[in-house]
Amino acid sequence: MIVELKQATVKENVQGEFELATLEPHFYVRLLSYMKKLPKDDFDKVESMLNSLVRKRQGKIIHLADSSKLTADLSKKLTIEEKLFYEKIYNTSTDFKKQILGDHK
């Protein structure tokens, strides 16, 4: 699982500024389950790597969700948690714009 995390981090860093690498839908669930079994020192190291990956992907998701609806292609790249996050950001951003600009279409 640590190898998968390292690979995911490398892939994410290689992607463009607003391009996401693909993670399988249950990546975070599986990783957190694995982490619970680790000794404290190892847990802390893996948690640090995970935080780095999450921050990177979170920033990309916020940028993408602010400007467009979730597409089928993008949805395939996101975990279950990330899809929910994307939808919340998109809906909040859309509501904010409606408050300021009105509902003109």
PDB file of N, CA and C in Angstrom:
ATOM      1  N   MET A   1       0.825  -1.191   0.000  1.00  0.00           N
ATOM      2  CA  MET A   1       0.000   0.000   0.000  1.00  0.00           C
ATOM      3  C   MET A   1       0.874   1.261   0.000  1.00  0.00           C
ATOM      4  N   ILE A   2       2.013   1.198   0.670  1.00  0.00           N
ATOM      5  CA  ILE A   2       2.930   2.342   0.671  1.00  0.00           C
ATOM      6  C   ILE A   2       3.453   2.586  -0.739  1.00  0.00           C
ATOM      7  N   VAL A   3       3.728   1.511  -1.460  1.00  0.00           N
ATOM      8  CA  VAL A   3       4.193   1.643  -2.847  1.00  0.00           C
ATOM      9  C   VAL A   3       3.118   2.336  -3.679  1.00  0.00           C
ATOM     10  N   GLU A   4       1.861   1.948  -3.487  1.00  0.00           N
ATOM     11  CA  GLU A   4       0.759   2.583  -4.225  1.00  0.00           C
ATOM     12  C   GLU A   4       0.670   4.074  -3.904  1.00  0.00           C
ATOM     13  N   LEU A   5       0.868   4.421  -2.642  1.00  0.00           N
ATOM     14  CA  LEU A   5       0.829   5.830  -2.239  1.00  0.00           C
ATOM     15  C   LEU A   5       1.965   6.604  -2.892  1.00  0.00           C
ATOM     16  N   LYS A   6       3.158   6.023  -2.879  1.00  0.00           N
ATOM     17  CA  LYS A   6       4.303   6.686  -3.517  1.00  0.00           C
ATOM     18  C   LYS A   6       4.068   6.852  -5.014  1.00  0.00           C
ATOM     19  N   GLN A   7       3.547   5.817  -5.655  1.00  0.00           N
ATOM     20  CA  GLN A   7       3.260   5.894  -7.093  1.00  0.00           C
ATOM     21  C   GLN A   7       2.209   6.961  -7.383  1.00  0.00           C
ATOM     22  N   ALA A   8       1.178   7.010  -6.564  1.00  0.00           N
ATOM     23  CA  ALA A   8       0.118   8.006  -6.753  1.00  0.00           C
ATOM     24  C   ALA A   8       0.675   9.415  -6.604  1.00  0.00           C
ATOM     25  N   THR A   9       1.558   9.609  -5.642  1.00  0.00           N
ATOM     26  CA  THR A   9       2.162  10.922  -5.410  1.00  0.00           C
ATOM     27  C   THR A   9       3.032  11.333  -6.590  1.00  0.00           C
ATOM     28  N   VAL A  10       3.842  10.411  -7.079  1.00  0.00           N
ATOM     29  CA  VAL A  10       4.698  10.705  -8.238  1.00  0.00           C
ATOM     30  C   VAL A  10       3.835  11.033  -9.453  1.00  0.00           C
ATOM     31  N   LYS A  11       2.818  10.220  -9.718  1.00  0.00           N
ATOM     32  CA  LYS A  11       1.931  10.458 -10.866  1.00  0.00           C
ATOM     33  C   LYS A  11       1.250  11.821 -10.753  1.00  0.00           C
ATOM     34  N   GLU A  12       0.831  12.172  -9.551  1.00  0.00           N
ATOM     35  CA  GLU A  12       0.142  13.456  -9.352  1.00  0.00           C
ATOM     36  C   GLU A  12       1.082  14.618  -9.613  1.00  0.00           C
ATOM     37  N   ASN A  13       2.313  14.479  -9.179  1.00  0.00           N
ATOM     38  CA  ASN A  13       3.290  15.553  -9.371  1.00  0.00           C
ATOM     39  C   ASN A  13       3.697  15.717 -10.833  1.00  0.00           C
ATOM     40  N   VAL A  14       3.609  14.633 -11.604  1.00  0.00           N
ATOM     41  CA  VAL A  14       3.983  14.676 -13.017  1.00  0.00           C
ATOM     42  C   VAL A  14       2.865  15.303 -13.864  1.00  0.00           C
ATOM     43  N   GLN A  15       1.639  15.194 -13.385  1.00  0.00           N
ATOM     44  CA  GLN A  15       0.498  15.749 -14.124  1.00  0.00           C
ATOM     45  C   GLN A  15       0.621  17.261 -14.236  1.00  0.00           C
ATOM     46  N   GLY A  16      -0.111  17.812 -15.175  1.00  0.00           N
ATOM     47  CA  GLY A  16      -0.146  19.261 -15.324  1.00  0.00           C
ATOM     48  C   GLY A  16      -0.748  19.916 -14.099  1.00  0.00           C
ATOM     49  N   GLU A  17      -0.659  21.232 -14.062  1.00  0.00           N
ATOM     50  CA  GLU A  17      -1.116  21.992 -12.897  1.00  0.00           C
ATOM     51  C   GLU A  17      -2.583  21.721 -12.558  1.00  0.00           C
ATOM     52  N   PHE A  18      -3.409  21.501 -13.575  1.00  0.00           N
ATOM     53  CA  PHE A  18      -4.835  21.271 -13.341  1.00  0.00           C
ATOM     54  C   PHE A  18      -5.306  19.933 -13.907  1.00  0.00           C
ATOM     55  N   GLU A  19      -4.385  18.983 -14.014  1.00  0.00           N
ATOM     56  CA  GLU A  19      -4.706  17.629 -14.465  1.00  0.00           C
ATOM     57  C   GLU A  19      -4.572  16.679 -13.280  1.00  0.00           C
ATOM     58  N   LEU A  20      -5.510  15.760 -13.174  1.00  0.00           N
ATOM     59  CA  LEU A  20      -5.482  14.791 -12.087  1.00  0.00           C
ATOM     60  C   LEU A  20      -5.075  13.412 -12.594  1.00  0.00           C
ATOM     61  N   ALA A  21      -4.245  12.740 -11.811  1.00  0.00           N
ATOM     62  CA  ALA A  21      -3.933  11.337 -12.080  1.00  0.00           C
ATOM     63  C   ALA A  21      -5.125  10.507 -11.597  1.00  0.00           C
ATOM     64  N   THR A  22      -5.230   9.297 -12.079  1.00  0.00           N
ATOM     65  CA  THR A  22      -6.347   8.427 -11.692  1.00  0.00           C
ATOM     66  C   THR A  22      -6.032   7.702 -10.389  1.00  0.00           C
ATOM     67  N   LEU A  23      -6.992   7.751  -9.466  1.00  0.00           N
ATOM     68  CA  LEU A  23      -6.932   6.942  -8.248  1.00  0.00           C
ATOM     69  C   LEU A  23      -8.140   6.020  -8.271  1.00  0.00           C
ATOM     70  N   GLU A  24      -7.964   4.801  -7.788  1.00  0.00           N
ATOM     71  CA  GLU A  24      -9.109   3.905  -7.759  1.00  0.00           C
ATOM     72  C   GLU A  24     -10.104   4.412  -6.706  1.00  0.00           C
ATOM     73  N   PRO A  25     -11.401   4.123  -6.884  1.00  0.00           N
ATOM     74  CA  PRO A  25     -12.450   4.719  -6.048  1.00  0.00           C
ATOM     75  C   PRO A  25     -12.268   4.560  -4.538  1.00  0.00           C
ATOM     76  N   HIS A  26     -11.686   3.450  -4.102  1.00  0.00           N
ATOM     77  CA  HIS A  26     -11.547   3.195  -2.660  1.00  0.00           C
ATOM     78  C   HIS A  26     -10.102   3.345  -2.168  1.00  0.00           C
ATOM     79  N   PHE A  27      -9.306   4.106  -2.873  1.00  0.00           N
ATOM     80  CA  PHE A  27      -7.889   4.272  -2.541  1.00  0.00           C
ATOM     81  C   PHE A  27      -7.694   4.737  -1.094  1.00  0.00           C
ATOM     82  N   TYR A  28      -8.387   5.802  -0.701  1.00  0.00           N
ATOM     83  CA  TYR A  28      -8.194   6.358   0.646  1.00  0.00           C
ATOM     84  C   TYR A  28      -8.695   5.396   1.723  1.00  0.00           C
ATOM     85  N   VAL A  29      -9.809   4.744   1.480  1.00  0.00           N
ATOM     86  CA  VAL A  29     -10.358   3.794   2.451  1.00  0.00           C
ATOM     87  C   VAL A  29      -9.363   2.663   2.698  1.00  0.00           C
ATOM     88  N   ARG A  30      -8.833   2.122   1.605  1.00  0.00           N
ATOM     89  CA  ARG A  30      -7.860   1.026   1.739  1.00  0.00           C
ATOM     90  C   ARG A  30      -6.588   1.496   2.440  1.00  0.00           C
ATOM     91  N   LEU A  31      -6.132   2.695   2.093  1.00  0.00           N
ATOM     92  CA  LEU A  31      -4.907   3.216   2.692  1.00  0.00           C
ATOM     93  C   LEU A  31      -5.092   3.455   4.191  1.00  0.00           C
ATOM     94  N   LEU A  32      -6.204   4.057   4.578  1.00  0.00           N
ATOM     95  CA  LEU A  32      -6.441   4.322   5.999  1.00  0.00           C
ATOM     96  C   LEU A  32      -6.567   3.024   6.790  1.00  0.00           C
ATOM     97  N   SER A  33      -7.189   2.017   6.204  1.00  0.00           N
ATOM     98  CA  SER A  33      -7.290   0.712   6.856  1.00  0.00           C
ATOM     99  C   SER A  33      -5.896   0.117   7.068  1.00  0.00           C
ATOM    100  N   TYR A  34      -5.054   0.232   6.062  1.00  0.00           N
ATOM    101  CA  TYR A  34      -3.675  -0.246   6.145  1.00  0.00           C
ATOM    102  C   TYR A  34      -2.896   0.525   7.210  1.00  0.00           C
ATOM    103  N   MET A  35      -3.086   1.833   7.243  1.00  0.00           N
ATOM    104  CA  MET A  35      -2.329   2.687   8.167  1.00  0.00           C
ATOM    105  C   MET A  35      -2.625   2.368   9.626  1.00  0.00           C
ATOM    106  N   LYS A  36      -3.839   1.943   9.928  1.00  0.00           N
ATOM    107  CA  LYS A  36      -4.223   1.627  11.309  1.00  0.00           C
ATOM    108  C   LYS A  36      -3.364   0.520  11.902  1.00  0.00           C
ATOM    109  N   LYS A  37      -2.792  -0.311  11.053  1.00  0.00           N
ATOM    110  CA  LYS A  37      -1.991  -1.451  11.512  1.00  0.00           C
ATOM    111  C   LYS A  37      -0.509  -1.119  11.658  1.00  0.00           C
ATOM    112  N   LEU A  38      -0.132   0.084  11.281  1.00  0.00           N
ATOM    113  CA  LEU A  38       1.288   0.462  11.290  1.00  0.00           C
ATOM    114  C   LEU A  38       1.751   0.925  12.670  1.00  0.00           C
ATOM    115  N   PRO A  39       3.038   0.708  12.984  1.00  0.00           N
ATOM    116  CA  PRO A  39       3.619   1.304  14.187  1.00  0.00           C
ATOM    117  C   PRO A  39       3.589   2.833  14.063  1.00  0.00           C
ATOM    118  N   LYS A  40       3.637   3.520  15.181  1.00  0.00           N
ATOM    119  CA  LYS A  40       3.503   4.982  15.220  1.00  0.00           C
ATOM    120  C   LYS A  40       4.452   5.695  14.259  1.00  0.00           C
ATOM    121  N   ASP A  41       5.729   5.335  14.260  1.00  0.00           N
ATOM    122  CA  ASP A  41       6.707   6.009  13.387  1.00  0.00           C
ATOM    123  C   ASP A  41       6.349   5.848  11.913  1.00  0.00           C
ATOM    124  N   ASP A  42       6.004   4.626  11.535  1.00  0.00           N
ATOM    125  CA  ASP A  42       5.627   4.375  10.141  1.00  0.00           C
ATOM    126  C   ASP A  42       4.321   5.085   9.800  1.00  0.00           C
ATOM    127  N   PHE A  43       3.391   5.059  10.742  1.00  0.00           N
ATOM    128  CA  PHE A  43       2.108   5.737  10.539  1.00  0.00           C
ATOM    129  C   PHE A  43       2.340   7.213  10.245  1.00  0.00           C
ATOM    130  N   ASP A  44       3.187   7.845  11.034  1.00  0.00           N
ATOM    131  CA  ASP A  44       3.457   9.275  10.859  1.00  0.00           C
ATOM    132  C   ASP A  44       4.062   9.576   9.491  1.00  0.00           C
ATOM    133  N   LYS A  45       4.962   8.718   9.037  1.00  0.00           N
ATOM    134  CA  LYS A  45       5.587   8.920   7.721  1.00  0.00           C
ATOM    135  C   LYS A  45       4.562   8.784   6.599  1.00  0.00           C
ATOM    136  N   VAL A  46       3.744   7.747   6.684  1.00  0.00           N
ATOM    137  CA  VAL A  46       2.725   7.513   5.657  1.00  0.00           C
ATOM    138  C   VAL A  46       1.680   8.630   5.697  1.00  0.00           C
ATOM    139  N   GLU A  47       1.318   9.057   6.896  1.00  0.00           N
ATOM    140  CA  GLU A  47       0.347  10.146   7.033  1.00  0.00           C
ATOM    141  C   GLU A  47       0.867  11.429   6.386  1.00  0.00           C
ATOM    142  N   SER A  48       2.140  11.696   6.547  1.00  0.00           N
ATOM    143  CA  SER A  48       2.748  12.873   5.928  1.00  0.00           C
ATOM    144  C   SER A  48       2.684  12.785   4.402  1.00  0.00           C
ATOM    145  N   MET A  49       2.985  11.610   3.864  1.00  0.00           N
ATOM    146  CA  MET A  49       2.902  11.411   2.408  1.00  0.00           C
ATOM    147  C   MET A  49       1.459  11.559   1.931  1.00  0.00           C
ATOM    148  N   LEU A  50       0.530  11.014   2.698  1.00  0.00           N
ATOM    149  CA  LEU A  50      -0.885  11.106   2.344  1.00  0.00           C
ATOM    150  C   LEU A  50      -1.352  12.561   2.357  1.00  0.00           C
ATOM    151  N   ASN A  51      -0.952  13.310   3.378  1.00  0.00           N
ATOM    152  CA  ASN A  51      -1.327  14.728   3.456  1.00  0.00           C
ATOM    153  C   ASN A  51      -0.824  15.498   2.247  1.00  0.00           C
ATOM    154  N   SER A  52       0.367  15.192   1.820  1.00  0.00           N
ATOM    155  CA  SER A  52       0.939  15.852   0.649  1.00  0.00           C
ATOM    156  C   SER A  52       0.106  15.559  -0.603  1.00  0.00           C
ATOM    157  N   LEU A  53      -0.246  14.304  -0.790  1.00  0.00           N
ATOM    158  CA  LEU A  53      -1.064  13.912  -1.939  1.00  0.00           C
ATOM    159  C   LEU A  53      -2.438  14.578  -1.884  1.00  0.00           C
ATOM    160  N   VAL A  54      -3.057  14.554  -0.719  1.00  0.00           N
ATOM    161  CA  VAL A  54      -4.396  15.133  -0.566  1.00  0.00           C
ATOM    162  C   VAL A  54      -4.372  16.631  -0.844  1.00  0.00           C
ATOM    163  N   ARG A  55      -3.390  17.339  -0.313  1.00  0.00           N
ATOM    164  CA  ARG A  55      -3.293  18.793  -0.554  1.00  0.00           C
ATOM    165  C   ARG A  55      -3.159  19.096  -2.040  1.00  0.00           C
ATOM    166  N   LYS A  56      -2.333  18.336  -2.714  1.00  0.00           N
ATOM    167  CA  LYS A  56      -2.114  18.536  -4.151  1.00  0.00           C
ATOM    168  C   LYS A  56      -3.411  18.309  -4.931  1.00  0.00           C
ATOM    169  N   ARG A  57      -4.064  17.191  -4.661  1.00  0.00           N
ATOM    170  CA  ARG A  57      -5.301  16.863  -5.381  1.00  0.00           C
ATOM    171  C   ARG A  57      -6.428  17.814  -4.993  1.00  0.00           C
ATOM    172  N   GLN A  58      -6.481  18.184  -3.742  1.00  0.00           N
ATOM    173  CA  GLN A  58      -7.522  19.104  -3.278  1.00  0.00           C
ATOM    174  C   GLN A  58      -7.443  20.432  -4.028  1.00  0.00           C
ATOM    175  N   GLY A  59      -6.252  20.959  -4.179  1.00  0.00           N
ATOM    176  CA  GLY A  59      -6.074  22.217  -4.897  1.00  0.00           C
ATOM    177  C   GLY A  59      -6.534  22.109  -6.340  1.00  0.00           C
ATOM    178  N   LYS A  60      -6.199  21.004  -6.982  1.00  0.00           N
ATOM    179  CA  LYS A  60      -6.611  20.796  -8.374  1.00  0.00           C
ATOM    180  C   LYS A  60      -8.131  20.659  -8.475  1.00  0.00           C
ATOM    181  N   ILE A  61      -8.714  19.912  -7.549  1.00  0.00           N
ATOM    182  CA  ILE A  61     -10.165  19.707  -7.563  1.00  0.00           C
ATOM    183  C   ILE A  61     -10.893  21.027  -7.352  1.00  0.00           C
ATOM    184  N   ILE A  62     -10.423  21.842  -6.428  1.00  0.00           N
ATOM    185  CA  ILE A  62     -11.060  23.140  -6.184  1.00  0.00           C
ATOM    186  C   ILE A  62     -11.031  23.980  -7.454  1.00  0.00           C
ATOM    187  N   HIS A  63      -9.900  24.029  -8.110  1.00  0.00           N
ATOM    188  CA  HIS A  63      -9.787  24.808  -9.350  1.00  0.00           C
ATOM    189  C   HIS A  63     -10.746  24.279 -10.417  1.00  0.00           C
ATOM    190  N   LEU A  64     -10.767  22.976 -10.608  1.00  0.00           N
ATOM    191  CA  LEU A  64     -11.616  22.383 -11.639  1.00  0.00           C
ATOM    192  C   LEU A  64     -13.100  22.526 -11.309  1.00  0.00           C
ATOM    193  N   ALA A  65     -13.462  22.297 -10.053  1.00  0.00           N
ATOM    194  CA  ALA A  65     -14.870  22.355  -9.647  1.00  0.00           C
ATOM    195  C   ALA A  65     -15.415  23.774  -9.690  1.00  0.00           C
ATOM    196  N   ASP A  66     -14.551  24.747  -9.544  1.00  0.00           N
ATOM    197  CA  ASP A  66     -14.984  26.143  -9.594  1.00  0.00           C
ATOM    198  C   ASP A  66     -15.399  26.543 -11.006  1.00  0.00           C
ATOM    199  N   SER A  67     -14.874  25.839 -11.999  1.00  0.00           N
ATOM    200  CA  SER A  67     -15.110  26.274 -13.372  1.00  0.00           C
ATOM    201  C   SER A  67     -15.990  25.348 -14.212  1.00  0.00           C
ATOM    202  N   SER A  68     -16.204  24.111 -13.779  1.00  0.00           N
ATOM    203  CA  SER A  68     -17.025  23.228 -14.613  1.00  0.00           C
ATOM    204  C   SER A  68     -17.632  22.073 -13.821  1.00  0.00           C
ATOM    205  N   LYS A  69     -18.741  21.560 -14.363  1.00  0.00           N
ATOM    206  CA  LYS A  69     -19.387  20.388 -13.783  1.00  0.00           C
ATOM    207  C   LYS A  69     -18.464  19.181 -13.902  1.00  0.00           C
ATOM    208  N   LEU A  70     -18.726  18.197 -13.070  1.00  0.00           N
ATOM    209  CA  LEU A  70     -17.955  16.959 -13.092  1.00  0.00           C
ATOM    210  C   LEU A  70     -18.293  16.171 -14.358  1.00  0.00           C
ATOM    211  N   THR A  71     -17.290  15.925 -15.173  1.00  0.00           N
ATOM    212  CA  THR A  71     -17.482  15.154 -16.402  1.00  0.00           C
ATOM    213  C   THR A  71     -17.269  13.667 -16.122  1.00  0.00           C
ATOM    214  N   ALA A  72     -17.724  12.830 -17.034  1.00  0.00           N
ATOM    215  CA  ALA A  72     -17.545  11.383 -16.881  1.00  0.00           C
ATOM    216  C   ALA A  72     -16.060  11.016 -16.869  1.00  0.00           C
ATOM    217  N   ASP A  73     -15.284  11.658 -17.742  1.00  0.00           N
ATOM    218  CA  ASP A  73     -13.843  11.368 -17.793  1.00  0.00           C
ATOM    219  C   ASP A  73     -13.147  11.731 -16.490  1.00  0.00           C
ATOM    220  N   LEU A  74     -13.473  12.888 -15.956  1.00  0.00           N
ATOM    221  CA  LEU A  74     -12.854  13.323 -14.707  1.00  0.00           C
ATOM    222  C   LEU A  74     -13.323  12.456 -13.545  1.00  0.00           C
ATOM    223  N   SER A  75     -14.589  12.101 -13.553  1.00  0.00           N
ATOM    224  CA  SER A  75     -15.152  11.273 -12.490  1.00  0.00           C
ATOM    225  C   SER A  75     -14.397   9.951 -12.338  1.00  0.00           C
ATOM    226  N   LYS A  76     -13.932   9.399 -13.444  1.00  0.00           N
ATOM    227  CA  LYS A  76     -13.192   8.131 -13.420  1.00  0.00           C
ATOM    228  C   LYS A  76     -11.850   8.257 -12.704  1.00  0.00           C
ATOM    229  N   LYS A  77     -11.350   9.469 -12.574  1.00  0.00           N
ATOM    230  CA  LYS A  77     -10.041   9.696 -11.953  1.00  0.00           C
ATOM    231  C   LYS A  77     -10.131   9.931 -10.445  1.00  0.00           C
ATOM    232  N   LEU A  78     -11.349  10.146  -9.948  1.00  0.00           N
ATOM    233  CA  LEU A  78     -11.540  10.545  -8.558  1.00  0.00           C
ATOM    234  C   LEU A  78     -11.954   9.386  -7.664  1.00  0.00           C
ATOM    235  N   THR A  79     -11.585   9.499  -6.397  1.00  0.00           N
ATOM    236  CA  THR A  79     -12.072   8.553  -5.394  1.00  0.00           C
ATOM    237  C   THR A  79     -13.503   8.946  -5.033  1.00  0.00           C
ATOM    238  N   ILE A  80     -14.164   8.097  -4.294  1.00  0.00           N
ATOM    239  CA  ILE A  80     -15.532   8.376  -3.860  1.00  0.00           C
ATOM    240  C   ILE A  80     -15.577   9.682  -3.064  1.00  0.00           C
ATOM    241  N   GLU A  81     -14.634   9.861  -2.147  1.00  0.00           N
ATOM    242  CA  GLU A  81     -14.600  11.070  -1.313  1.00  0.00           C
ATOM    243  C   GLU A  81     -14.357  12.314  -2.160  1.00  0.00           C
ATOM    244  N   GLU A  82     -13.495  12.179  -3.146  1.00  0.00           N
ATOM    245  CA  GLU A  82     -13.169  13.319  -4.004  1.00  0.00           C
ATOM    246  C   GLU A  82     -14.354  13.729  -4.874  1.00  0.00           C
ATOM    247  N   LYS A  83     -15.147  12.760  -5.316  1.00  0.00           N
ATOM    248  CA  LYS A  83     -16.350  13.085  -6.103  1.00  0.00           C
ATOM    249  C   LYS A  83     -17.317  13.920  -5.270  1.00  0.00           C
ATOM    250  N   LEU A  84     -17.523  13.525  -4.026  1.00  0.00           N
ATOM    251  CA  LEU A  84     -18.407  14.287  -3.136  1.00  0.00           C
ATOM    252  C   LEU A  84     -17.859  15.688  -2.906  1.00  0.00           C
ATOM    253  N   PHE A  85     -16.569  15.785  -2.678  1.00  0.00           N
ATOM    254  CA  PHE A  85     -15.908  17.075  -2.475  1.00  0.00           C
ATOM    255  C   PHE A  85     -16.085  17.950  -3.710  1.00  0.00           C
ATOM    256  N   TYR A  86     -15.860  17.374  -4.884  1.00  0.00           N
ATOM    257  CA  TYR A  86     -15.995  18.104  -6.152  1.00  0.00           C
ATOM    258  C   TYR A  86     -17.404  18.685  -6.278  1.00  0.00           C
ATOM    259  N   GLU A  87     -18.408  17.849  -6.055  1.00  0.00           N
ATOM    260  CA  GLU A  87     -19.799  18.295  -6.185  1.00  0.00           C
ATOM    261  C   GLU A  87     -20.120  19.416  -5.199  1.00  0.00           C
ATOM    262  N   LYS A  88     -19.629  19.299  -3.970  1.00  0.00           N
ATOM    263  CA  LYS A  88     -19.879  20.351  -2.969  1.00  0.00           C
ATOM    264  C   LYS A  88     -19.235  21.665  -3.391  1.00  0.00           C
ATOM    265  N   ILE A  89     -18.009  21.608  -3.859  1.00  0.00           N
ATOM    266  CA  ILE A  89     -17.317  22.823  -4.312  1.00  0.00           C
ATOM    267  C   ILE A  89     -18.053  23.422  -5.503  1.00  0.00           C
ATOM    268  N   TYR A  90     -18.419  22.581  -6.465  1.00  0.00           N
ATOM    269  CA  TYR A  90     -19.120  23.065  -7.657  1.00  0.00           C
ATOM    270  C   TYR A  90     -20.435  23.749  -7.264  1.00  0.00           C
ATOM    271  N   ASN A  91     -21.229  23.090  -6.426  1.00  0.00           N
ATOM    272  CA  ASN A  91     -22.522  23.650  -6.017  1.00  0.00           C
ATOM    273  C   ASN A  91     -22.357  24.940  -5.224  1.00  0.00           C
ATOM    274  N   THR A  92     -21.402  24.976  -4.318  1.00  0.00           N
ATOM    275  CA  THR A  92     -21.149  26.180  -3.528  1.00  0.00           C
ATOM    276  C   THR A  92     -20.694  27.318  -4.426  1.00  0.00           C
ATOM    277  N   SER A  93     -19.820  27.039  -5.357  1.00  0.00           N
ATOM    278  CA  SER A  93     -19.327  28.054  -6.286  1.00  0.00           C
ATOM    279  C   SER A  93     -20.462  28.583  -7.164  1.00  0.00           C
ATOM    280  N   THR A  94     -21.294  27.680  -7.652  1.00  0.00           N
ATOM    281  CA  THR A  94     -22.431  28.078  -8.489  1.00  0.00           C
ATOM    282  C   THR A  94     -23.398  28.950  -7.697  1.00  0.00           C
ATOM    283  N   ASP A  95     -23.711  28.548  -6.463  1.00  0.00           N
ATOM    284  CA  ASP A  95     -24.604  29.342  -5.611  1.00  0.00           C
ATOM    285  C   ASP A  95     -24.023  30.720  -5.331  1.00  0.00           C
ATOM    286  N   PHE A  96     -22.740  30.774  -5.060  1.00  0.00           N
ATOM    287  CA  PHE A  96     -22.066  32.049  -4.797  1.00  0.00           C
ATOM    288  C   PHE A  96     -22.183  32.977  -6.004  1.00  0.00           C
ATOM    289  N   LYS A  97     -21.907  32.444  -7.179  1.00  0.00           N
ATOM    290  CA  LYS A  97     -21.990  33.254  -8.401  1.00  0.00           C
ATOM    291  C   LYS A  97     -23.415  33.746  -8.638  1.00  0.00           C
ATOM    292  N   LYS A  98     -24.411  32.903  -8.351  1.00  0.00           N
ATOM    293  CA  LYS A  98     -25.815  33.308  -8.508  1.00  0.00           C
ATOM    294  C   LYS A  98     -26.167  34.446  -7.552  1.00  0.00           C
ATOM    295  N   GLN A  99     -25.646  34.381  -6.328  1.00  0.00           N
ATOM    296  CA  GLN A  99     -25.905  35.445  -5.350  1.00  0.00           C
ATOM    297  C   GLN A  99     -25.364  36.775  -5.841  1.00  0.00           C
ATOM    298  N   ILE A 100     -24.201  36.746  -6.432  1.00  0.00           N
ATOM    299  CA  ILE A 100     -23.544  37.972  -6.872  1.00  0.00           C
ATOM    300  C   ILE A 100     -24.092  38.445  -8.220  1.00  0.00           C
ATOM    301  N   LEU A 101     -24.158  37.539  -9.167  1.00  0.00           N
ATOM    302  CA  LEU A 101     -24.485  37.905 -10.549  1.00  0.00           C
ATOM    303  C   LEU A 101     -25.946  37.702 -10.918  1.00  0.00           C
ATOM    304  N   GLY A 102     -26.684  37.012 -10.087  1.00  0.00           N
ATOM    305  CA  GLY A 102     -28.054  36.672 -10.438  1.00  0.00           C
ATOM    306  C   GLY A 102     -28.074  35.378 -11.222  1.00  0.00           C
ATOM    307  N   ASP A 103     -29.257  34.994 -11.625  1.00  0.00           N
ATOM    308  CA  ASP A 103     -29.431  33.707 -12.304  1.00  0.00           C
ATOM    309  C   ASP A 103     -29.660  33.910 -13.794  1.00  0.00           C
ATOM    310  N   HIS A 104     -28.813  34.694 -14.434  1.00  0.00           N
ATOM    311  CA  HIS A 104     -28.959  34.985 -15.862  1.00  0.00           C
ATOM    312  C   HIS A 104     -28.317  33.893 -16.694  1.00  0.00           C
ATOM    313  N   LYS A 105     -29.088  33.353 -17.608  1.00  0.00           N
ATOM    314  CA  LYS A 105     -28.535  32.324 -18.503  1.00  0.00           C
ATOM    315  C   LYS A 105     -28.940  32.610 -19.906  1.00  0.00           C
TER     316      LYS A 105
END
